[in-house]
């Protein structure tokens, strides 16, 4: 019985540590609705559109915190297949918060 309780407690602590903050969750929800058609937005998996980089790789090529201006102006990519869009300040903050969760160095 004690082993079951300890194991259950450990699982609950691990699950809580993996839980997303409200901003991170909003960023994930935004990504699911607006980005997942082309990009892999999670920690694993291939992008549905092979030329669209997975979100988990963004931190390899750029400083995630420097994406605010490109996200605001809609110039995040020079690729003509990337739709033009503009996010408001709250959407940008949420998306950046979510992108930080995919950086293995931040874990």
PDB file of N, CA and C in Angstrom:
ATOM      1  N   UNK A   1       0.828  -1.185   0.000  1.00  0.00           N
ATOM      2  CA  UNK A   1       0.000   0.000   0.000  1.00  0.00           C
ATOM      3  C   UNK A   1       0.881   1.261   0.000  1.00  0.00           C
ATOM      4  N   UNK A   2       1.933   1.249   0.830  1.00  0.00           N
ATOM      5  CA  UNK A   2       2.823   2.403   0.913  1.00  0.00           C
ATOM      6  C   UNK A   2       3.496   2.673  -0.435  1.00  0.00           C
ATOM      7  N   UNK A   3       3.899   1.620  -1.153  1.00  0.00           N
ATOM      8  CA  UNK A   3       4.537   1.765  -2.459  1.00  0.00           C
ATOM      9  C   UNK A   3       3.569   2.427  -3.437  1.00  0.00           C
ATOM     10  N   UNK A   4       2.323   2.041  -3.401  1.00  0.00           N
ATOM     11  CA  UNK A   4       1.319   2.628  -4.288  1.00  0.00           C
ATOM     12  C   UNK A   4       1.158   4.115  -3.992  1.00  0.00           C
ATOM     13  N   UNK A   5       1.098   4.482  -2.737  1.00  0.00           N
ATOM     14  CA  UNK A   5       0.938   5.891  -2.364  1.00  0.00           C
ATOM     15  C   UNK A   5       2.147   6.713  -2.786  1.00  0.00           C
ATOM     16  N   UNK A   6       3.338   6.186  -2.574  1.00  0.00           N
ATOM     17  CA  UNK A   6       4.555   6.899  -2.955  1.00  0.00           C
ATOM     18  C   UNK A   6       4.618   7.050  -4.466  1.00  0.00           C
ATOM     19  N   UNK A   7       4.296   5.993  -5.188  1.00  0.00           N
ATOM     20  CA  UNK A   7       4.307   6.045  -6.651  1.00  0.00           C
ATOM     21  C   UNK A   7       3.271   7.045  -7.160  1.00  0.00           C
ATOM     22  N   UNK A   8       2.084   7.024  -6.596  1.00  0.00           N
ATOM     23  CA  UNK A   8       1.036   7.960  -6.997  1.00  0.00           C
ATOM     24  C   UNK A   8       1.463   9.393  -6.719  1.00  0.00           C
ATOM     25  N   UNK A   9       2.045   9.639  -5.562  1.00  0.00           N
ATOM     26  CA  UNK A   9       2.515  10.985  -5.216  1.00  0.00           C
ATOM     27  C   UNK A   9       3.595  11.442  -6.185  1.00  0.00           C
ATOM     28  N   UNK A  10       4.512  10.555  -6.549  1.00  0.00           N
ATOM     29  CA  UNK A  10       5.581  10.905  -7.485  1.00  0.00           C
ATOM     30  C   UNK A  10       5.007  11.235  -8.856  1.00  0.00           C
ATOM     31  N   UNK A  11       4.020  10.482  -9.287  1.00  0.00           N
ATOM     32  CA  UNK A  11       3.383  10.766 -10.578  1.00  0.00           C
ATOM     33  C   UNK A  11       2.679  12.106 -10.563  1.00  0.00           C
ATOM     34  N   UNK A  12       2.015  12.423  -9.477  1.00  0.00           N
ATOM     35  CA  UNK A  12       1.321  13.704  -9.378  1.00  0.00           C
ATOM     36  C   UNK A  12       2.295  14.873  -9.404  1.00  0.00           C
ATOM     37  N   UNK A  13       3.417  14.747  -8.714  1.00  0.00           N
ATOM     38  CA  UNK A  13       4.422  15.801  -8.719  1.00  0.00           C
ATOM     39  C   UNK A  13       5.005  15.955 -10.120  1.00  0.00           C
ATOM     40  N   UNK A  14       5.311  14.862 -10.789  1.00  0.00           N
ATOM     41  CA  UNK A  14       5.846  14.907 -12.145  1.00  0.00           C
ATOM     42  C   UNK A  14       4.852  15.527 -13.110  1.00  0.00           C
ATOM     43  N   UNK A  15       3.587  15.206 -12.977  1.00  0.00           N
ATOM     44  CA  UNK A  15       2.559  15.766 -13.846  1.00  0.00           C
ATOM     45  C   UNK A  15       2.418  17.260 -13.602  1.00  0.00           C
ATOM     46  N   UNK A  16       2.474  17.679 -12.357  1.00  0.00           N
ATOM     47  CA  UNK A  16       2.361  19.106 -12.052  1.00  0.00           C
ATOM     48  C   UNK A  16       3.536  19.882 -12.638  1.00  0.00           C
ATOM     49  N   UNK A  17       4.717  19.279 -12.612  1.00  0.00           N
ATOM     50  CA  UNK A  17       5.893  19.958 -13.154  1.00  0.00           C
ATOM     51  C   UNK A  17       5.784  20.125 -14.663  1.00  0.00           C
ATOM     52  N   UNK A  18       5.079  19.209 -15.327  1.00  0.00           N
ATOM     53  CA  UNK A  18       4.934  19.273 -16.775  1.00  0.00           C
ATOM     54  C   UNK A  18       3.741  20.132 -17.201  1.00  0.00           C
ATOM     55  N   UNK A  19       2.922  20.554 -16.252  1.00  0.00           N
ATOM     56  CA  UNK A  19       1.746  21.350 -16.577  1.00  0.00           C
ATOM     57  C   UNK A  19       2.162  22.701 -17.135  1.00  0.00           C
ATOM     58  N   UNK A  20       1.386  23.192 -18.077  1.00  0.00           N
ATOM     59  CA  UNK A  20       1.675  24.479 -18.692  1.00  0.00           C
ATOM     60  C   UNK A  20       1.046  25.603 -17.883  1.00  0.00           C
ATOM     61  N   UNK A  21       1.706  26.729 -17.863  1.00  0.00           N
ATOM     62  CA  UNK A  21       1.126  27.919 -17.246  1.00  0.00           C
ATOM     63  C   UNK A  21      -0.038  28.368 -18.130  1.00  0.00           C
ATOM     64  N   UNK A  22      -0.892  29.269 -17.641  1.00  0.00           N
ATOM     65  CA  UNK A  22      -1.979  29.762 -18.496  1.00  0.00           C
ATOM     66  C   UNK A  22      -1.483  30.378 -19.805  1.00  0.00           C
ATOM     67  N   UNK A  23      -0.411  31.162 -19.751  1.00  0.00           N
ATOM     68  CA  UNK A  23       0.123  31.778 -20.975  1.00  0.00           C
ATOM     69  C   UNK A  23       0.644  30.706 -21.928  1.00  0.00           C
ATOM     70  N   UNK A  24       1.359  29.724 -21.400  1.00  0.00           N
ATOM     71  CA  UNK A  24       1.875  28.638 -22.233  1.00  0.00           C
ATOM     72  C   UNK A  24       0.734  27.850 -22.861  1.00  0.00           C
ATOM     73  N   UNK A  25      -0.317  27.603 -22.096  1.00  0.00           N
ATOM     74  CA  UNK A  25      -1.474  26.871 -22.616  1.00  0.00           C
ATOM     75  C   UNK A  25      -2.169  27.672 -23.720  1.00  0.00           C
ATOM     76  N   UNK A  26      -2.306  28.977 -23.531  1.00  0.00           N
ATOM     77  CA  UNK A  26      -2.906  29.811 -24.588  1.00  0.00           C
ATOM     78  C   UNK A  26      -2.035  29.792 -25.847  1.00  0.00           C
ATOM     79  N   UNK A  27      -0.710  29.805 -25.666  1.00  0.00           N
ATOM     80  CA  UNK A  27       0.194  29.718 -26.811  1.00  0.00           C
ATOM     81  C   UNK A  27       0.060  28.395 -27.539  1.00  0.00           C
ATOM     82  N   UNK A  28      -0.078  27.309 -26.789  1.00  0.00           N
ATOM     83  CA  UNK A  28      -0.294  25.997 -27.390  1.00  0.00           C
ATOM     84  C   UNK A  28      -1.615  25.976 -28.142  1.00  0.00           C
ATOM     85  N   UNK A  29      -2.660  26.501 -27.539  1.00  0.00           N
ATOM     86  CA  UNK A  29      -3.979  26.525 -28.179  1.00  0.00           C
ATOM     87  C   UNK A  29      -3.941  27.343 -29.465  1.00  0.00           C
ATOM     88  N   UNK A  30      -3.264  28.491 -29.423  1.00  0.00           N
ATOM     89  CA  UNK A  30      -3.105  29.308 -30.620  1.00  0.00           C
ATOM     90  C   UNK A  30      -2.369  28.512 -31.702  1.00  0.00           C
ATOM     91  N   UNK A  31      -1.297  27.835 -31.302  1.00  0.00           N
ATOM     92  CA  UNK A  31      -0.502  27.045 -32.242  1.00  0.00           C
ATOM     93  C   UNK A  31      -1.322  25.928 -32.874  1.00  0.00           C
ATOM     94  N   UNK A  32      -2.119  25.266 -32.057  1.00  0.00           N
ATOM     95  CA  UNK A  32      -2.962  24.188 -32.571  1.00  0.00           C
ATOM     96  C   UNK A  32      -3.944  24.721 -33.617  1.00  0.00           C
ATOM     97  N   UNK A  33      -4.501  25.895 -33.360  1.00  0.00           N
ATOM     98  CA  UNK A  33      -5.511  26.465 -34.246  1.00  0.00           C
ATOM     99  C   UNK A  33      -4.921  27.105 -35.503  1.00  0.00           C
ATOM    100  N   UNK A  34      -3.708  27.641 -35.412  1.00  0.00           N
ATOM    101  CA  UNK A  34      -3.187  28.471 -36.493  1.00  0.00           C
ATOM    102  C   UNK A  34      -1.901  27.979 -37.151  1.00  0.00           C
ATOM    103  N   UNK A  35      -1.201  27.067 -36.510  1.00  0.00           N
ATOM    104  CA  UNK A  35       0.133  26.707 -37.008  1.00  0.00           C
ATOM    105  C   UNK A  35       0.290  25.221 -37.319  1.00  0.00           C
ATOM    106  N   UNK A  36      -0.507  24.395 -36.664  1.00  0.00           N
ATOM    107  CA  UNK A  36      -0.316  22.945 -36.745  1.00  0.00           C
ATOM    108  C   UNK A  36      -0.630  22.354 -38.113  1.00  0.00           C
ATOM    109  N   UNK A  37      -1.298  23.084 -38.964  1.00  0.00           N
ATOM    110  CA  UNK A  37      -1.561  22.581 -40.304  1.00  0.00           C
ATOM    111  C   UNK A  37      -0.252  22.367 -41.070  1.00  0.00           C
ATOM    112  N   UNK A  38       0.750  23.188 -40.773  1.00  0.00           N
ATOM    113  CA  UNK A  38       2.037  23.107 -41.471  1.00  0.00           C
ATOM    114  C   UNK A  38       3.188  22.669 -40.565  1.00  0.00           C
ATOM    115  N   UNK A  39       3.215  23.160 -39.323  1.00  0.00           N
ATOM    116  CA  UNK A  39       4.342  22.936 -38.413  1.00  0.00           C
ATOM    117  C   UNK A  39       4.032  21.836 -37.391  1.00  0.00           C
ATOM    118  N   UNK A  40       5.058  21.072 -37.040  1.00  0.00           N
ATOM    119  CA  UNK A  40       4.981  20.232 -35.848  1.00  0.00           C
ATOM    120  C   UNK A  40       5.099  21.188 -34.667  1.00  0.00           C
ATOM    121  N   UNK A  41       4.076  21.232 -33.829  1.00  0.00           N
ATOM    122  CA  UNK A  41       4.076  22.212 -32.739  1.00  0.00           C
ATOM    123  C   UNK A  41       4.451  21.608 -31.393  1.00  0.00           C
ATOM    124  N   UNK A  42       4.651  20.299 -31.351  1.00  0.00           N
ATOM    125  CA  UNK A  42       4.960  19.640 -30.096  1.00  0.00           C
ATOM    126  C   UNK A  42       6.421  19.255 -29.975  1.00  0.00           C
ATOM    127  N   UNK A  43       6.704  18.516 -28.935  1.00  0.00           N
ATOM    128  CA  UNK A  43       8.080  18.108 -28.635  1.00  0.00           C
ATOM    129  C   UNK A  43       8.572  16.985 -29.537  1.00  0.00           C
ATOM    130  N   UNK A  44       7.667  16.316 -30.230  1.00  0.00           N
ATOM    131  CA  UNK A  44       8.032  15.229 -31.135  1.00  0.00           C
ATOM    132  C   UNK A  44       7.182  15.310 -32.393  1.00  0.00           C
ATOM    133  N   UNK A  45       7.566  14.570 -33.392  1.00  0.00           N
ATOM    134  CA  UNK A  45       6.771  14.456 -34.607  1.00  0.00           C
ATOM    135  C   UNK A  45       7.289  15.320 -35.737  1.00  0.00           C
ATOM    136  N   UNK A  46       6.874  14.934 -36.942  1.00  0.00           N
ATOM    137  CA  UNK A  46       7.255  15.658 -38.146  1.00  0.00           C
ATOM    138  C   UNK A  46       6.226  16.730 -38.471  1.00  0.00           C
ATOM    139  N   UNK A  47       6.679  17.779 -39.119  1.00  0.00           N
ATOM    140  CA  UNK A  47       5.760  18.810 -39.592  1.00  0.00           C
ATOM    141  C   UNK A  47       4.926  18.240 -40.735  1.00  0.00           C
ATOM    142  N   UNK A  48       3.613  18.525 -40.757  1.00  0.00           N
ATOM    143  CA  UNK A  48       2.782  18.072 -41.869  1.00  0.00           C
ATOM    144  C   UNK A  48       3.277  18.591 -43.217  1.00  0.00           C
ATOM    145  N   UNK A  49       3.822  19.793 -43.239  1.00  0.00           N
ATOM    146  CA  UNK A  49       4.418  20.361 -44.441  1.00  0.00           C
ATOM    147  C   UNK A  49       5.933  20.238 -44.259  1.00  0.00           C
ATOM    148  N   UNK A  50       6.581  19.375 -45.022  1.00  0.00           N
ATOM    149  CA  UNK A  50       8.005  19.089 -44.772  1.00  0.00           C
ATOM    150  C   UNK A  50       8.928  20.310 -44.747  1.00  0.00           C
ATOM    151  N   UNK A  51       8.609  21.373 -45.470  1.00  0.00           N
ATOM    152  CA  UNK A  51       9.499  22.540 -45.447  1.00  0.00           C
ATOM    153  C   UNK A  51       9.260  23.440 -44.236  1.00  0.00           C
ATOM    154  N   UNK A  52       8.200  23.177 -43.478  1.00  0.00           N
ATOM    155  CA  UNK A  52       7.884  23.981 -42.295  1.00  0.00           C
ATOM    156  C   UNK A  52       8.645  23.430 -41.098  1.00  0.00           C
ATOM    157  N   UNK A  53       9.532  24.222 -40.507  1.00  0.00           N
ATOM    158  CA  UNK A  53      10.326  23.699 -39.388  1.00  0.00           C
ATOM    159  C   UNK A  53       9.470  23.414 -38.157  1.00  0.00           C
ATOM    160  N   UNK A  54       9.782  22.340 -37.444  1.00  0.00           N
ATOM    161  CA  UNK A  54       9.093  22.071 -36.183  1.00  0.00           C
ATOM    162  C   UNK A  54       9.357  23.202 -35.180  1.00  0.00           C
ATOM    163  N   UNK A  55       8.357  23.532 -34.415  1.00  0.00           N
ATOM    164  CA  UNK A  55       8.518  24.577 -33.399  1.00  0.00           C
ATOM    165  C   UNK A  55       9.651  24.255 -32.444  1.00  0.00           C
ATOM    166  N   UNK A  56       9.861  22.982 -32.142  1.00  0.00           N
ATOM    167  CA  UNK A  56      10.901  22.611 -31.170  1.00  0.00           C
ATOM    168  C   UNK A  56      12.304  22.938 -31.674  1.00  0.00           C
ATOM    169  N   UNK A  57      12.442  23.200 -32.986  1.00  0.00           N
ATOM    170  CA  UNK A  57      13.743  23.545 -33.543  1.00  0.00           C
ATOM    171  C   UNK A  57      13.989  25.053 -33.620  1.00  0.00           C
ATOM    172  N   UNK A  58      12.975  25.851 -33.366  1.00  0.00           N
ATOM    173  CA  UNK A  58      13.125  27.304 -33.494  1.00  0.00           C
ATOM    174  C   UNK A  58      14.270  27.842 -32.648  1.00  0.00           C
ATOM    175  N   UNK A  59      14.417  27.318 -31.439  1.00  0.00           N
ATOM    176  CA  UNK A  59      15.459  27.828 -30.535  1.00  0.00           C
ATOM    177  C   UNK A  59      16.863  27.545 -31.052  1.00  0.00           C
ATOM    178  N   UNK A  60      17.009  26.611 -32.005  1.00  0.00           N
ATOM    179  CA  UNK A  60      18.329  26.303 -32.574  1.00  0.00           C
ATOM    180  C   UNK A  60      18.837  27.397 -33.500  1.00  0.00           C
ATOM    181  N   UNK A  61      17.922  28.132 -34.110  1.00  0.00           N
ATOM    182  CA  UNK A  61      18.285  29.103 -35.136  1.00  0.00           C
ATOM    183  C   UNK A  61      18.111  30.557 -34.717  1.00  0.00           C
ATOM    184  N   UNK A  62      17.443  30.786 -33.627  1.00  0.00           N
ATOM    185  CA  UNK A  62      17.149  32.167 -33.236  1.00  0.00           C
ATOM    186  C   UNK A  62      16.852  32.269 -31.753  1.00  0.00           C
ATOM    187  N   UNK A  63      16.912  33.488 -31.270  1.00  0.00           N
ATOM    188  CA  UNK A  63      16.526  33.777 -29.895  1.00  0.00           C
ATOM    189  C   UNK A  63      15.005  33.931 -29.885  1.00  0.00           C
ATOM    190  N   UNK A  64      14.337  33.035 -29.215  1.00  0.00           N
ATOM    191  CA  UNK A  64      12.872  33.033 -29.194  1.00  0.00           C
ATOM    192  C   UNK A  64      12.326  34.387 -28.743  1.00  0.00           C
ATOM    193  N   UNK A  65      12.995  35.023 -27.801  1.00  0.00           N
ATOM    194  CA  UNK A  65      12.512  36.314 -27.298  1.00  0.00           C
ATOM    195  C   UNK A  65      12.609  37.417 -28.346  1.00  0.00           C
ATOM    196  N   UNK A  66      13.374  37.196 -29.398  1.00  0.00           N
ATOM    197  CA  UNK A  66      13.493  38.199 -30.468  1.00  0.00           C
ATOM    198  C   UNK A  66      12.427  38.035 -31.549  1.00  0.00           C
ATOM    199  N   UNK A  67      11.470  37.150 -31.331  1.00  0.00           N
ATOM    200  CA  UNK A  67      10.408  36.936 -32.318  1.00  0.00           C
ATOM    201  C   UNK A  67       9.252  37.919 -32.187  1.00  0.00           C
ATOM    202  N   UNK A  68       9.254  38.731 -31.156  1.00  0.00           N
ATOM    203  CA  UNK A  68       8.125  39.640 -30.928  1.00  0.00           C
ATOM    204  C   UNK A  68       7.845  40.537 -32.125  1.00  0.00           C
ATOM    205  N   UNK A  69       8.855  41.214 -32.620  1.00  0.00           N
ATOM    206  CA  UNK A  69       8.649  42.144 -33.740  1.00  0.00           C
ATOM    207  C   UNK A  69       8.221  41.417 -35.011  1.00  0.00           C
ATOM    208  N   UNK A  70       8.914  40.338 -35.407  1.00  0.00           N
ATOM    209  CA  UNK A  70       8.448  39.624 -36.597  1.00  0.00           C
ATOM    210  C   UNK A  70       7.018  39.085 -36.454  1.00  0.00           C
ATOM    211  N   UNK A  71       6.640  38.621 -35.261  1.00  0.00           N
ATOM    212  CA  UNK A  71       5.273  38.153 -35.062  1.00  0.00           C
ATOM    213  C   UNK A  71       4.274  39.301 -35.137  1.00  0.00           C
ATOM    214  N   UNK A  72       4.688  40.461 -34.685  1.00  0.00           N
ATOM    215  CA  UNK A  72       3.806  41.632 -34.734  1.00  0.00           C
ATOM    216  C   UNK A  72       3.605  42.130 -36.161  1.00  0.00           C
ATOM    217  N   UNK A  73       4.669  42.123 -36.952  1.00  0.00           N
ATOM    218  CA  UNK A  73       4.584  42.644 -38.313  1.00  0.00           C
ATOM    219  C   UNK A  73       4.219  41.576 -39.344  1.00  0.00           C
ATOM    220  N   UNK A  74       4.245  40.311 -38.935  1.00  0.00           N
ATOM    221  CA  UNK A  74       3.916  39.232 -39.855  1.00  0.00           C
ATOM    222  C   UNK A  74       5.048  38.843 -40.769  1.00  0.00           C
ATOM    223  N   UNK A  75       6.267  39.217 -40.416  1.00  0.00           N
ATOM    224  CA  UNK A  75       7.423  38.932 -41.273  1.00  0.00           C
ATOM    225  C   UNK A  75       8.340  37.889 -40.647  1.00  0.00           C
ATOM    226  N   UNK A  76       7.763  36.870 -40.071  1.00  0.00           N
ATOM    227  CA  UNK A  76       8.565  35.857 -39.386  1.00  0.00           C
ATOM    228  C   UNK A  76       9.351  34.990 -40.352  1.00  0.00           C
ATOM    229  N   UNK A  77       8.900  34.923 -41.603  1.00  0.00           N
ATOM    230  CA  UNK A  77       9.577  34.096 -42.594  1.00  0.00           C
ATOM    231  C   UNK A  77       9.528  34.777 -43.949  1.00  0.00           C
ATOM    232  N   UNK A  78      10.589  34.595 -44.720  1.00  0.00           N
ATOM    233  CA  UNK A  78      10.607  35.096 -46.089  1.00  0.00           C
ATOM    234  C   UNK A  78      10.065  34.074 -47.076  1.00  0.00           C
ATOM    235  N   UNK A  79       9.671  32.919 -46.582  1.00  0.00           N
ATOM    236  CA  UNK A  79       9.137  31.872 -47.446  1.00  0.00           C
ATOM    237  C   UNK A  79       7.762  32.306 -47.964  1.00  0.00           C
ATOM    238  N   UNK A  80       7.572  32.325 -49.290  1.00  0.00           N
ATOM    239  CA  UNK A  80       6.295  32.779 -49.850  1.00  0.00           C
ATOM    240  C   UNK A  80       5.108  31.881 -49.495  1.00  0.00           C
ATOM    241  N   UNK A  81       5.364  30.646 -49.077  1.00  0.00           N
ATOM    242  CA  UNK A  81       4.257  29.766 -48.704  1.00  0.00           C
ATOM    243  C   UNK A  81       3.747  30.039 -47.288  1.00  0.00           C
ATOM    244  N   UNK A  82       4.517  30.811 -46.521  1.00  0.00           N
ATOM    245  CA  UNK A  82       4.108  31.161 -45.162  1.00  0.00           C
ATOM    246  C   UNK A  82       3.055  32.258 -45.228  1.00  0.00           C
ATOM    247  N   UNK A  83       1.874  32.029 -44.655  1.00  0.00           N
ATOM    248  CA  UNK A  83       0.847  33.076 -44.702  1.00  0.00           C
ATOM    249  C   UNK A  83       1.276  34.315 -43.927  1.00  0.00           C
ATOM    250  N   UNK A  84       0.838  35.468 -44.387  1.00  0.00           N
ATOM    251  CA  UNK A  84       1.117  36.724 -43.697  1.00  0.00           C
ATOM    252  C   UNK A  84       0.089  36.878 -42.572  1.00  0.00           C
ATOM    253  N   UNK A  85       0.551  37.248 -41.409  1.00  0.00           N
ATOM    254  CA  UNK A  85      -0.336  37.421 -40.272  1.00  0.00           C
ATOM    255  C   UNK A  85       0.275  38.433 -39.316  1.00  0.00           C
ATOM    256  N   UNK A  86      -0.554  38.979 -38.455  1.00  0.00           N
ATOM    257  CA  UNK A  86      -0.083  39.874 -37.398  1.00  0.00           C
ATOM    258  C   UNK A  86      -0.756  39.461 -36.101  1.00  0.00           C
ATOM    259  N   UNK A  87       0.039  39.267 -35.083  1.00  0.00           N
ATOM    260  CA  UNK A  87      -0.483  38.899 -33.778  1.00  0.00           C
ATOM    261  C   UNK A  87      -0.493  40.128 -32.883  1.00  0.00           C
ATOM    262  N   UNK A  88      -1.428  40.149 -31.940  1.00  0.00           N
ATOM    263  CA  UNK A  88      -1.418  41.238 -30.969  1.00  0.00           C
ATOM    264  C   UNK A  88      -0.441  40.895 -29.846  1.00  0.00           C
ATOM    265  N   UNK A  89      -0.196  41.845 -28.986  1.00  0.00           N
ATOM    266  CA  UNK A  89       0.830  41.686 -27.941  1.00  0.00           C
ATOM    267  C   UNK A  89       0.562  40.481 -27.044  1.00  0.00           C
ATOM    268  N   UNK A  90      -0.687  40.248 -26.691  1.00  0.00           N
ATOM    269  CA  UNK A  90      -1.013  39.118 -25.818  1.00  0.00           C
ATOM    270  C   UNK A  90      -0.764  37.789 -26.531  1.00  0.00           C
ATOM    271  N   UNK A  91      -1.138  37.698 -27.792  1.00  0.00           N
ATOM    272  CA  UNK A  91      -0.898  36.470 -28.558  1.00  0.00           C
ATOM    273  C   UNK A  91       0.602  36.205 -28.698  1.00  0.00           C
ATOM    274  N   UNK A  92       1.352  37.253 -28.931  1.00  0.00           N
ATOM    275  CA  UNK A  92       2.804  37.116 -29.064  1.00  0.00           C
ATOM    276  C   UNK A  92       3.415  36.599 -27.767  1.00  0.00           C
ATOM    277  N   UNK A  93       3.036  37.195 -26.659  1.00  0.00           N
ATOM    278  CA  UNK A  93       3.572  36.766 -25.357  1.00  0.00           C
ATOM    279  C   UNK A  93       3.216  35.310 -25.076  1.00  0.00           C
ATOM    280  N   UNK A  94       1.989  34.926 -25.384  1.00  0.00           N
ATOM    281  CA  UNK A  94       1.563  33.548 -25.151  1.00  0.00           C
ATOM    282  C   UNK A  94       2.318  32.569 -26.044  1.00  0.00           C
ATOM    283  N   UNK A  95       2.460  32.911 -27.319  1.00  0.00           N
ATOM    284  CA  UNK A  95       3.158  32.023 -28.248  1.00  0.00           C
ATOM    285  C   UNK A  95       4.629  31.876 -27.854  1.00  0.00           C
ATOM    286  N   UNK A  96       5.266  32.968 -27.492  1.00  0.00           N
ATOM    287  CA  UNK A  96       6.665  32.900 -27.065  1.00  0.00           C
ATOM    288  C   UNK A  96       6.796  32.083 -25.780  1.00  0.00           C
ATOM    289  N   UNK A  97       5.860  32.251 -24.865  1.00  0.00           N
ATOM    290  CA  UNK A  97       5.888  31.447 -23.637  1.00  0.00           C
ATOM    291  C   UNK A  97       5.799  29.961 -23.976  1.00  0.00           C
ATOM    292  N   UNK A  98       4.925  29.610 -24.909  1.00  0.00           N
ATOM    293  CA  UNK A  98       4.817  28.207 -25.308  1.00  0.00           C
ATOM    294  C   UNK A  98       6.093  27.722 -25.993  1.00  0.00           C
ATOM    295  N   UNK A  99       6.648  28.521 -26.888  1.00  0.00           N
ATOM    296  CA  UNK A  99       7.876  28.115 -27.585  1.00  0.00           C
ATOM    297  C   UNK A  99       9.008  27.829 -26.600  1.00  0.00           C
ATOM    298  N   UNK A 100       9.061  28.577 -25.513  1.00  0.00           N
ATOM    299  CA  UNK A 100      10.093  28.333 -24.497  1.00  0.00           C
ATOM    300  C   UNK A 100       9.957  26.953 -23.873  1.00  0.00           C
ATOM    301  N   UNK A 101       8.732  26.423 -23.811  1.00  0.00           N
ATOM    302  CA  UNK A 101       8.547  25.093 -23.217  1.00  0.00           C
ATOM    303  C   UNK A 101       9.147  23.995 -24.081  1.00  0.00           C
ATOM    304  N   UNK A 102       9.408  24.290 -25.350  1.00  0.00           N
ATOM    305  CA  UNK A 102       9.951  23.291 -26.266  1.00  0.00           C
ATOM    306  C   UNK A 102      11.474  23.290 -26.311  1.00  0.00           C
ATOM    307  N   UNK A 103      12.097  24.214 -25.628  1.00  0.00           N
ATOM    308  CA  UNK A 103      13.553  24.297 -25.597  1.00  0.00           C
ATOM    309  C   UNK A 103      14.088  23.311 -24.556  1.00  0.00           C
ATOM    310  N   UNK A 104      14.810  22.278 -24.984  1.00  0.00           N
ATOM    311  CA  UNK A 104      15.295  21.289 -24.007  1.00  0.00           C
ATOM    312  C   UNK A 104      16.254  21.879 -22.975  1.00  0.00           C
ATOM    313  N   UNK A 105      16.926  22.987 -23.322  1.00  0.00           N
ATOM    314  CA  UNK A 105      17.831  23.617 -22.352  1.00  0.00           C
ATOM    315  C   UNK A 105      17.060  24.284 -21.216  1.00  0.00           C
ATOM    316  N   UNK A 106      15.794  24.568 -21.443  1.00  0.00           N
ATOM    317  CA  UNK A 106      14.978  25.217 -20.416  1.00  0.00           C
ATOM    318  C   UNK A 106      14.333  24.207 -19.478  1.00  0.00           C
ATOM    319  N   UNK A 107      14.457  22.948 -19.791  1.00  0.00           N
ATOM    320  CA  UNK A 107      13.793  21.897 -18.977  1.00  0.00           C
ATOM    321  C   UNK A 107      14.496  21.696 -17.675  1.00  0.00           C
TER     322      UNK A 107
END
